[in-house]
């Protein structure tokens, strides 16, 4: 079956794409964090706190750029969508979501593979019968 060119060109629009780290506007969340930091709205420290927050978010975005390819595509789509929900976006929230999804997947895979034997926690001596 030959598909019409318009259909072929439009198919990719139906699938969410998470190939690159999204660009999030962290200004709003950083402003809120700065204002909730115990300083008054007119205090000069609000500007400094906001700058520190934005700088931290930029560093986390840089970390995400390095690690992006290691996360599962469905997790990227879900976590990106979640991090954009509610109006305040944060790379910290996005990274946390991706790491948790990855870790849960790894735990589930480990449990399936090691259903009969769970290794002891490091530093804890097991009791000998």
Protein backbone atom coordinates (compact mmCIF):
# COMPACT_ATOMS: atom_id res chain seq x y z
CA UNK A 1 0.00 0.00 0.00
CA UNK A 2 1.34 3.41 -0.93
CA UNK A 3 0.59 6.17 1.56
CA UNK A 4 -0.14 9.71 0.42
CA UNK A 5 2.86 12.03 1.02
CA UNK A 6 0.89 14.25 3.42
CA UNK A 7 0.10 11.24 5.60
CA UNK A 8 3.69 10.06 5.62
CA UNK A 9 4.93 13.51 6.58
CA UNK A 10 2.34 13.88 9.34
CA UNK A 11 2.73 10.49 11.04
CA UNK A 12 5.61 11.66 13.22
CA UNK A 13 3.33 14.32 14.69
CA UNK A 14 1.24 11.63 16.38
CA UNK A 15 4.14 10.21 18.37
CA UNK A 16 5.64 12.15 21.26
CA UNK A 17 9.29 12.86 20.70
CA UNK A 18 11.74 12.90 23.60
CA UNK A 19 15.01 12.80 21.71
CA UNK A 20 16.43 15.96 23.28
CA UNK A 21 16.34 17.44 26.74
CA UNK A 22 13.34 19.77 26.79
CA UNK A 23 13.74 23.47 27.32
CA UNK A 24 11.91 24.42 30.49
CA UNK A 25 11.19 27.87 31.87
CA UNK A 26 12.52 27.69 35.43
CA UNK A 27 12.06 31.40 36.17
CA UNK A 28 8.65 30.95 37.81
CA UNK A 29 9.64 28.08 40.08
CA UNK A 30 12.89 29.82 41.06
CA UNK A 31 11.04 33.05 41.85
CA UNK A 32 8.69 31.11 44.12
CA UNK A 33 11.56 29.28 45.82
CA UNK A 34 13.41 32.56 46.41
CA UNK A 35 10.33 34.23 47.86
CA UNK A 36 9.64 31.30 50.18
CA UNK A 37 13.19 31.28 51.48
CA UNK A 38 12.36 33.42 54.50
CA UNK A 39 13.16 36.77 52.90
CA UNK A 40 10.65 39.50 52.20
CA UNK A 41 9.45 40.22 48.67
CA UNK A 42 11.37 43.51 48.61
CA UNK A 43 14.56 42.10 50.09
CA UNK A 44 17.61 42.15 47.82
CA UNK A 45 18.28 38.55 48.84
CA UNK A 46 15.32 37.40 46.72
CA UNK A 47 17.24 38.29 43.56
CA UNK A 48 20.32 36.44 44.76
CA UNK A 49 18.30 33.38 45.81
CA UNK A 50 16.56 33.32 42.44
CA UNK A 51 19.90 33.57 40.63
CA UNK A 52 21.27 30.68 42.70
CA UNK A 53 18.20 28.61 41.85
CA UNK A 54 18.45 29.37 38.11
CA UNK A 55 22.17 28.53 38.16
CA UNK A 56 21.41 25.24 39.90
CA UNK A 57 18.70 24.40 37.36
CA UNK A 58 21.15 25.13 34.52
CA UNK A 59 23.70 22.77 36.07
CA UNK A 60 21.06 20.05 36.38
CA UNK A 61 20.06 20.59 32.74
CA UNK A 62 23.72 20.10 31.77
CA UNK A 63 23.70 16.84 33.72
CA UNK A 64 20.51 15.79 31.93
CA UNK A 65 22.13 16.48 28.54
CA UNK A 66 24.95 14.07 29.47
CA UNK A 67 22.63 11.34 30.79
CA UNK A 68 19.62 11.78 28.48
CA UNK A 69 20.41 8.81 26.23
CA UNK A 70 20.56 6.46 29.24
CA UNK A 71 16.89 6.93 30.15
CA UNK A 72 14.07 4.88 28.61
CA UNK A 73 12.01 6.69 25.96
CA UNK A 74 8.64 6.10 27.71
CA UNK A 75 10.10 7.55 30.92
CA UNK A 76 11.38 10.61 29.06
CA UNK A 77 7.92 11.25 27.62
CA UNK A 78 6.09 10.69 30.92
CA UNK A 79 8.53 12.66 33.06
CA UNK A 80 8.76 15.56 30.61
CA UNK A 81 4.98 15.77 30.54
CA UNK A 82 4.82 15.64 34.34
CA UNK A 83 7.49 18.29 34.77
CA UNK A 84 5.52 20.68 32.56
CA UNK A 85 2.23 20.11 34.37
CA UNK A 86 1.03 22.79 36.74
CA UNK A 87 2.82 25.76 35.21
CA UNK A 88 6.07 25.58 37.15
CA UNK A 89 8.80 23.60 35.40
CA UNK A 90 11.98 22.32 36.98
CA UNK A 91 14.92 20.31 35.67
CA UNK A 92 15.38 19.05 39.23
CA UNK A 93 11.89 17.53 39.11
CA UNK A 94 12.53 16.08 35.65
CA UNK A 95 15.82 14.47 36.68
CA UNK A 96 14.31 13.08 39.87
CA UNK A 97 11.41 11.56 37.94
CA UNK A 98 13.74 9.96 35.38
CA UNK A 99 16.07 8.56 38.06
CA UNK A 100 13.18 7.12 40.05
CA UNK A 101 11.65 5.51 36.96
CA UNK A 102 15.01 4.03 36.01
CA UNK A 103 15.65 2.73 39.52
CA UNK A 104 12.19 1.17 39.86
CA UNK A 105 12.65 -0.55 36.49
CA UNK A 106 16.04 -1.87 37.62
CA UNK A 107 14.58 -3.12 40.91
CA UNK A 108 11.76 -4.88 39.09
CA UNK A 109 14.23 -6.50 36.69
CA UNK A 110 16.44 -7.59 39.59
CA UNK A 111 13.48 -9.10 41.44
CA UNK A 112 12.43 -11.06 38.38
CA UNK A 113 15.96 -12.37 37.89
CA UNK A 114 16.67 -13.06 41.56
CA UNK A 115 13.27 -14.19 42.79
CA UNK A 116 14.74 -16.90 45.01
CA UNK A 117 17.67 -15.07 46.62
CA UNK A 118 17.75 -11.47 47.85
CA UNK A 119 21.29 -10.37 48.72
CA UNK A 120 21.90 -8.88 52.18
CA UNK A 121 22.27 -5.15 52.59
CA UNK A 122 25.91 -4.04 52.55
CA UNK A 123 27.34 -3.71 56.05
CA UNK A 124 24.72 -5.98 57.63
CA UNK A 125 25.90 -9.36 58.82
CA UNK A 126 23.54 -12.18 58.01
CA UNK A 127 22.65 -14.63 60.75
CA UNK A 128 24.04 -18.11 60.34
CA UNK A 129 21.63 -20.97 61.24
